[in-house]
Amino acid sequence: MAAAGAARIPQLAWDKVRPAPVVLVSGTEDFLAERAIGLLRDILRAEDSSLEVSDIAADAYAPGELATLASPSLFGEPRLVRVTGVEKCTDAFIAETLGYLEAPAADCYLMLRHAGGVRGKKLLDALRGGLGGGIEIACTEIKKESDKLDFVTAEFRTAGRRITAGAARALVAAFTEDLAELAAACRQLLADAGDEVTEATVERYYSGRVETNAFRVADTAIAGRHGEALVLLRHALASGADPVPIVAAFASKLRTMAKVAGARGSSGQLAQQFGLAPWQVDRAKRDLQGWTEDGLARGIQLLAETDAQVKGAGRDPVYALERMVNVVSARGAQP
């Protein structure tokens, strides 16, 4: 398949979809593709409620189907023709769609969903080269924690609401394997929670999912409960948790502790000084009990090493995580 980066048509994110004679929705992330397709339909219906919507399965295409559905109707309503399975399309579909792109029908919007692979390359190359005057919505799979955090933040920003960084991390850790579930959790919080969603809010709503998440492992280790922390870590990994957000949770907690350690002032003053919520300052003060300055420094240094290990520098990320839990549970004491 031609690289999207070489395309001459506009390349847009899923939430920036807009009407065009042809809209190619590409990539392996089905959830984002469905969101883009639904958003396009909603935009077109908002422009004209008489919109006619038709569906074609490209892998079971009947010759003449596209021409029939794209043709102007008796009353001239706009048409949206949604085509799925373009990555499995028939030869007839390729030939007829290439012909259609030479002169797209007026007031008709053709949406092509291609989930990846080499099938239909000739059609995609023509479309990306500008034939038909289309756009492409690239829906690549979201794997990195940072991308998932950006997704959560965007969900709240679009709704005009705020979610704290800690709450976003907790949500991602609780729903790390399924983007659809993560989006559903965001929608529930937007519908039911207050103006600002905090880590405590996420804990209240999703305590069952968060019980063995990254932050629970970190909290238990920081409190010095070594055996319990290892059990939680192994359960989290067995449940499919990604090592990277686990390390990120430890880093977030220890860095907050380092900011608060030795600082003077009330919780409100320190919260304002460090850009934290007062409850985060109070929690960090409790977490610091039993820790020395050297132990905290040692723990933070080990976190940097563990982060590198789980991101490819080491051969055994599980061993690196268990070593991190061991040291943190001992409050940074030398082994």
Protein backbone atom coordinates (compact mmCIF):
# COMPACT_ATOMS: atom_id res chain seq x y z
CA MET A 1 0.00 0.00 0.00
CA ALA A 2 1.19 3.47 -0.74
CA ALA A 3 2.40 5.31 2.28
CA ALA A 4 -0.10 7.82 3.60
CA GLY A 5 2.74 10.30 3.97
CA ALA A 6 3.20 10.32 0.16
CA ALA A 7 -0.44 11.19 -0.48
CA ARG A 8 -1.42 14.44 -2.19
CA ILE A 9 -4.85 14.63 -0.59
CA PRO A 10 -5.44 16.09 2.90
CA GLN A 11 -4.54 13.73 5.77
CA LEU A 12 -6.75 14.37 8.78
CA ALA A 13 -7.19 12.95 12.28
CA TRP A 14 -10.38 11.00 12.97
CA ASP A 15 -12.01 13.86 14.89
CA LYS A 16 -11.25 16.34 12.08
CA VAL A 17 -13.31 14.50 9.46
CA ARG A 18 -15.26 16.76 7.11
CA PRO A 19 -17.45 16.33 4.03
CA ALA A 20 -15.67 15.63 0.75
CA PRO A 21 -16.69 13.88 -2.48
CA VAL A 22 -14.66 10.85 -1.33
CA VAL A 23 -13.55 10.11 2.23
CA LEU A 24 -11.01 7.31 2.71
CA VAL A 25 -11.01 6.02 6.28
CA SER A 26 -7.83 3.95 6.55
CA GLY A 27 -5.90 2.15 9.27
CA THR A 28 -6.28 -0.74 11.68
CA GLU A 29 -7.97 1.07 14.59
CA ASP A 30 -11.59 0.08 14.02
CA PHE A 31 -12.93 2.03 16.97
CA LEU A 32 -11.57 5.36 15.74
CA ALA A 33 -12.71 4.52 12.21
CA GLU A 34 -16.26 3.94 13.45
CA ARG A 35 -16.13 7.22 15.34
CA ALA A 36 -14.98 9.07 12.21
CA ILE A 37 -17.65 7.47 10.05
CA GLY A 38 -20.36 8.25 12.60
CA LEU A 39 -19.14 11.83 12.92
CA LEU A 40 -19.24 12.32 9.14
CA ARG A 41 -22.82 11.06 9.05
CA ASP A 42 -23.81 13.41 11.88
CA ILE A 43 -22.19 16.40 10.14
CA LEU A 44 -24.01 15.67 6.88
CA ARG A 45 -27.35 15.12 8.64
CA ALA A 46 -26.93 18.40 10.50
CA GLU A 47 -26.46 20.12 7.12
CA ASP A 48 -29.49 18.38 5.58
CA SER A 49 -31.80 16.09 7.56
CA SER A 50 -33.03 14.44 4.35
CA LEU A 51 -29.63 12.73 3.87
CA GLU A 52 -29.96 9.24 2.37
CA VAL A 53 -27.50 6.70 3.81
CA SER A 54 -26.64 3.49 1.94
CA ASP A 55 -24.15 0.72 2.67
CA ILE A 56 -22.03 -1.47 0.40
CA ALA A 57 -19.92 -4.48 1.39
CA ALA A 58 -16.93 -4.29 -0.97
CA ASP A 59 -16.14 -8.00 -0.59
CA ALA A 60 -19.63 -8.93 -1.85
CA TYR A 61 -19.98 -6.15 -4.40
CA ALA A 62 -22.62 -6.49 -7.13
CA PRO A 63 -21.70 -4.82 -10.44
CA GLY A 64 -23.53 -1.53 -10.90
CA GLU A 65 -24.26 -1.14 -7.16
CA LEU A 66 -22.21 2.01 -6.66
CA ALA A 67 -23.64 3.77 -9.71
CA THR A 68 -27.19 2.95 -8.57
CA LEU A 69 -26.74 4.23 -5.00
CA ALA A 70 -24.77 7.34 -6.03
CA SER A 71 -27.28 8.43 -8.66
CA PRO A 72 -29.47 11.44 -7.82
CA SER A 73 -32.76 10.53 -6.21
CA LEU A 74 -36.18 11.70 -7.35
CA PHE A 75 -36.27 14.53 -4.81
CA GLY A 76 -32.58 15.43 -4.98
CA GLU A 77 -31.62 14.49 -1.40
CA PRO A 78 -27.87 14.33 -0.61
CA ARG A 79 -26.47 10.80 -0.41
CA LEU A 80 -23.87 9.16 1.81
CA VAL A 81 -22.62 5.82 0.48
CA ARG A 82 -20.62 3.91 3.08
CA VAL A 83 -18.38 1.13 1.79
CA THR A 84 -16.83 -1.36 4.22
CA GLY A 85 -14.27 -4.11 3.64
CA VAL A 86 -12.36 -2.30 0.87
CA GLU A 87 -9.30 -4.30 1.94
CA LYS A 88 -11.21 -7.41 0.70
CA CYS A 89 -12.91 -5.84 -2.31
CA THR A 90 -13.76 -7.56 -5.58
CA ASP A 91 -12.16 -6.72 -8.93
CA ALA A 92 -15.51 -5.31 -10.09
CA PHE A 93 -15.55 -2.89 -7.16
CA ILE A 94 -12.04 -1.63 -7.97
CA ALA A 95 -12.84 -1.12 -11.64
CA GLU A 96 -16.17 0.62 -11.08
CA THR A 97 -14.92 2.82 -8.23
CA LEU A 98 -11.95 3.96 -10.32
CA GLY A 99 -14.44 4.93 -12.99
CA TYR A 100 -16.61 6.74 -10.46
CA LEU A 101 -13.64 8.76 -9.19
CA GLU A 102 -13.18 10.23 -12.66
CA ALA A 103 -16.47 12.11 -12.18
CA PRO A 104 -17.98 11.82 -8.68
CA ALA A 105 -21.74 12.36 -8.51
CA ALA A 106 -23.03 15.72 -7.30
CA ASP A 107 -24.38 15.85 -3.72
CA CYS A 108 -23.01 12.36 -3.05
CA TYR A 109 -20.38 11.54 -0.43
CA LEU A 110 -18.53 8.25 -0.88
CA MET A 111 -16.91 6.84 2.27
CA LEU A 112 -14.39 4.02 1.79
CA ARG A 113 -13.23 2.01 4.80
CA HIS A 114 -9.89 0.23 4.25
CA ALA A 115 -8.50 -1.57 7.31
CA GLY A 116 -5.04 -2.31 5.89
CA GLY A 117 -3.28 -4.70 3.56
CA VAL A 118 -2.30 -4.60 -0.11
CA ARG A 119 -5.68 -5.40 -1.65
CA GLY A 120 -7.07 -2.40 -3.52
CA LYS A 121 -3.66 -0.73 -3.85
CA LYS A 122 -4.43 0.59 -7.35
CA LEU A 123 -7.60 2.24 -6.06
CA LEU A 124 -5.89 3.72 -2.97
CA ASP A 125 -2.97 5.05 -5.02
CA ALA A 126 -5.36 6.79 -7.40
CA LEU A 127 -7.40 8.27 -4.58
CA ARG A 128 -4.33 9.42 -2.66
CA GLY A 129 -2.97 10.90 -5.86
CA GLY A 130 -5.95 13.24 -6.00
CA LEU A 131 -8.42 11.42 -8.25
CA GLY A 132 -11.92 12.23 -7.05
CA GLY A 133 -10.93 15.19 -4.86
CA GLY A 134 -11.03 13.19 -1.64
CA ILE A 135 -9.52 13.30 1.82
CA GLU A 136 -8.02 10.58 4.02
CA ILE A 137 -8.78 9.93 7.67
CA ALA A 138 -5.89 7.88 9.09
CA CYS A 139 -6.96 5.70 12.03
CA THR A 140 -3.76 4.03 13.16
CA GLU A 141 -3.81 1.76 16.19
CA ILE A 142 -3.23 3.55 19.48
CA LYS A 143 -0.57 1.62 21.43
CA LYS A 144 1.55 4.12 23.33
CA GLU A 145 0.46 5.28 26.75
CA SER A 146 1.10 8.89 25.70
CA ASP A 147 -1.30 8.51 22.75
CA LYS A 148 -3.99 7.05 25.02
CA LEU A 149 -3.51 9.91 27.46
CA ASP A 150 -3.88 12.35 24.56
CA PHE A 151 -7.09 10.55 23.56
CA VAL A 152 -8.56 10.85 27.06
CA THR A 153 -7.58 14.51 27.34
CA ALA A 154 -9.11 15.24 23.93
CA GLU A 155 -12.38 13.53 24.93
CA PHE A 156 -12.72 15.85 27.92
CA ARG A 157 -11.45 18.95 26.11
CA THR A 158 -13.97 18.43 23.31
CA ALA A 159 -16.73 18.26 25.91
CA GLY A 160 -15.48 21.45 27.58
CA ARG A 161 -14.49 19.61 30.76
CA ARG A 162 -11.24 19.10 32.67
CA ILE A 163 -9.55 15.91 33.81
CA THR A 164 -6.42 15.96 35.94
CA ALA A 165 -3.25 14.26 34.73
CA GLY A 166 -3.47 11.69 37.52
CA ALA A 167 -7.07 10.85 36.66
CA ALA A 168 -6.20 10.43 32.98
CA ARG A 169 -3.33 8.08 33.87
CA ALA A 170 -5.60 6.08 36.18
CA LEU A 171 -8.20 5.70 33.43
CA VAL A 172 -5.61 4.59 30.89
CA ALA A 173 -4.16 2.07 33.35
CA ALA A 174 -7.61 0.68 34.16
CA PHE A 175 -8.67 0.32 30.50
CA THR A 176 -5.31 -0.12 28.84
CA GLU A 177 -6.30 -3.00 26.53
CA ASP A 178 -9.50 -1.70 24.94
CA LEU A 179 -9.88 1.74 23.40
CA ALA A 180 -13.66 1.34 23.13
CA GLU A 181 -13.91 0.62 26.87
CA LEU A 182 -11.65 3.59 27.59
CA ALA A 183 -13.91 5.86 25.53
CA ALA A 184 -17.01 4.46 27.27
CA ALA A 185 -15.43 5.20 30.66
CA CYS A 186 -14.76 8.79 29.54
CA ARG A 187 -18.37 9.16 28.43
CA GLN A 188 -19.67 7.87 31.76
CA LEU A 189 -17.49 10.31 33.71
CA LEU A 190 -18.56 13.16 31.44
CA ALA A 191 -22.21 12.29 32.03
CA ASP A 192 -22.11 11.60 35.77
CA ALA A 193 -19.09 13.26 37.40
CA GLY A 194 -18.55 16.89 38.43
CA ASP A 195 -16.90 19.66 36.48
CA GLU A 196 -13.38 18.35 37.18
CA VAL A 197 -12.52 14.66 37.15
CA THR A 198 -9.73 13.72 39.57
CA GLU A 199 -7.92 10.50 40.43
CA ALA A 200 -10.28 10.08 43.38
CA THR A 201 -13.24 10.30 40.96
CA VAL A 202 -11.80 7.52 38.80
CA GLU A 203 -11.18 5.39 41.89
CA ARG A 204 -14.78 5.90 43.02
CA TYR A 205 -16.31 4.96 39.67
CA TYR A 206 -13.96 2.19 38.63
CA SER A 207 -12.61 0.73 41.85
CA GLY A 208 -13.12 -2.79 40.50
CA ARG A 209 -10.98 -2.08 37.46
CA VAL A 210 -8.42 0.00 39.34
CA GLU A 211 -7.85 -2.48 42.16
CA THR A 212 -4.79 -3.98 40.51
CA ASN A 213 -3.85 -1.15 38.21
CA ALA A 214 -0.52 0.59 38.02
CA PHE A 215 -1.23 3.12 40.75
CA ARG A 216 -2.46 0.48 43.19
CA VAL A 217 0.79 -1.47 42.67
CA ALA A 218 2.79 1.73 43.21
CA ASP A 219 0.83 2.75 46.33
CA THR A 220 1.31 -0.67 47.91
CA ALA A 221 5.05 -0.78 47.18
CA ILE A 222 5.62 2.78 48.43
CA ALA A 223 3.82 1.85 51.65
CA GLY A 224 6.41 -0.92 52.18
CA ARG A 225 4.04 -3.89 51.68
CA HIS A 226 6.46 -5.92 49.58
CA GLY A 227 4.62 -9.23 49.28
CA GLU A 228 1.27 -7.63 48.53
CA ALA A 229 2.84 -5.34 45.93
CA LEU A 230 4.42 -8.29 44.10
CA VAL A 231 1.10 -10.16 44.07
CA LEU A 232 -0.67 -7.10 42.66
CA LEU A 233 2.07 -6.62 40.06
CA ARG A 234 1.89 -10.23 38.86
CA HIS A 235 -1.89 -10.13 38.75
CA ALA A 236 -1.82 -6.90 36.75
CA LEU A 237 0.68 -8.37 34.26
CA ALA A 238 -1.33 -11.59 33.98
CA SER A 239 -4.40 -9.46 33.21
CA GLY A 240 -2.60 -7.86 30.28
CA ALA A 241 -1.28 -4.66 31.88
CA ASP A 242 1.50 -2.91 29.95
CA PRO A 243 4.80 -2.53 31.88
CA VAL A 244 5.30 1.06 30.62
CA PRO A 245 2.31 2.66 32.43
CA ILE A 246 3.23 0.70 35.58
CA VAL A 247 6.63 2.39 35.63
CA ALA A 248 4.95 5.71 34.82
CA ALA A 249 2.69 5.33 37.87
CA PHE A 250 5.69 4.71 40.15
CA ALA A 251 7.48 7.70 38.61
CA SER A 252 4.49 9.98 39.10
CA LYS A 253 4.19 9.04 42.78
CA LEU A 254 7.89 9.28 43.62
CA ARG A 255 8.37 12.57 41.79
CA THR A 256 5.48 14.09 43.70
CA MET A 257 7.05 12.83 46.92
CA ALA A 258 10.38 14.38 45.91
CA LYS A 259 8.71 17.75 45.31
CA VAL A 260 7.00 17.72 48.69
CA ALA A 261 9.94 16.32 50.67
CA GLY A 262 11.52 19.09 52.76
CA ALA A 263 9.12 21.74 51.46
CA ARG A 264 7.50 24.05 54.02
CA GLY A 265 4.02 25.44 53.99
CA SER A 266 0.41 24.34 54.19
CA SER A 267 -1.04 21.79 51.81
CA GLY A 268 -2.78 24.59 49.93
CA GLN A 269 0.40 26.63 49.61
CA LEU A 270 2.45 23.65 48.43
CA ALA A 271 -0.28 22.61 46.03
CA GLN A 272 -0.19 26.05 44.44
CA GLN A 273 3.61 26.06 44.39
CA PHE A 274 3.94 22.68 42.68
CA GLY A 275 0.80 22.67 40.55
CA LEU A 276 -0.84 19.89 42.56
CA ALA A 277 -4.18 19.40 44.29
CA PRO A 278 -4.08 19.74 48.11
CA TRP A 279 -5.06 16.09 48.54
CA GLN A 280 -2.05 15.08 46.40
CA VAL A 281 0.23 17.00 48.75
CA ASP A 282 -1.35 15.33 51.80
CA ARG A 283 -0.98 11.93 50.15
CA ALA A 284 2.67 12.57 49.30
CA LYS A 285 3.38 13.57 52.90
CA ARG A 286 1.88 10.29 54.11
CA ASP A 287 3.80 8.33 51.49
CA LEU A 288 7.09 9.89 52.65
CA GLN A 289 6.86 8.31 56.09
CA GLY A 290 9.78 5.91 56.50
CA TRP A 291 11.67 7.26 53.49
CA THR A 292 15.06 8.95 53.69
CA GLU A 293 16.43 11.50 51.26
CA ASP A 294 19.00 8.98 49.99
CA GLY A 295 16.36 6.28 49.66
CA LEU A 296 14.11 8.54 47.61
CA ALA A 297 16.98 9.52 45.32
CA ARG A 298 17.90 5.85 44.89
CA GLY A 299 14.31 4.97 44.05
CA ILE A 300 14.05 7.70 41.42
CA GLN A 301 17.35 6.63 39.85
CA LEU A 302 16.12 3.03 39.68
CA LEU A 303 12.89 4.21 38.02
CA ALA A 304 14.87 5.75 35.19
CA GLU A 305 16.75 2.47 34.72
CA THR A 306 13.54 0.44 34.83
CA ASP A 307 11.85 2.75 32.33
CA ALA A 308 14.67 2.11 29.86
CA GLN A 309 14.52 -1.63 30.53
CA VAL A 310 10.79 -1.97 29.78
CA LYS A 311 11.09 0.20 26.66
CA GLY A 312 13.53 -2.13 24.97
CA ALA A 313 16.92 -1.69 26.62
CA GLY A 314 16.55 -4.92 28.59
CA ARG A 315 15.57 -8.49 27.77
CA ASP A 316 13.29 -9.14 30.74
CA PRO A 317 10.85 -6.31 31.57
CA VAL A 318 9.09 -8.44 34.20
CA TYR A 319 12.34 -8.93 36.12
CA ALA A 320 13.00 -5.17 35.89
CA LEU A 321 9.53 -4.45 37.29
CA GLU A 322 9.94 -6.92 40.16
CA ARG A 323 13.35 -5.43 41.01
CA MET A 324 11.75 -1.97 41.06
CA VAL A 325 9.00 -3.21 43.41
CA ASN A 326 11.61 -4.81 45.67
CA VAL A 327 13.65 -1.60 46.01
CA VAL A 328 10.65 0.72 46.36
CA SER A 329 9.05 -1.58 48.94
CA ALA A 330 12.29 -1.33 50.92
CA ARG A 331 11.92 2.46 50.63
CA GLY A 332 15.06 2.72 48.53
CA ALA A 333 17.29 0.84 50.95
CA GLN A 334 20.42 -0.74 49.50
CA PRO A 335 19.89 -4.47 48.73
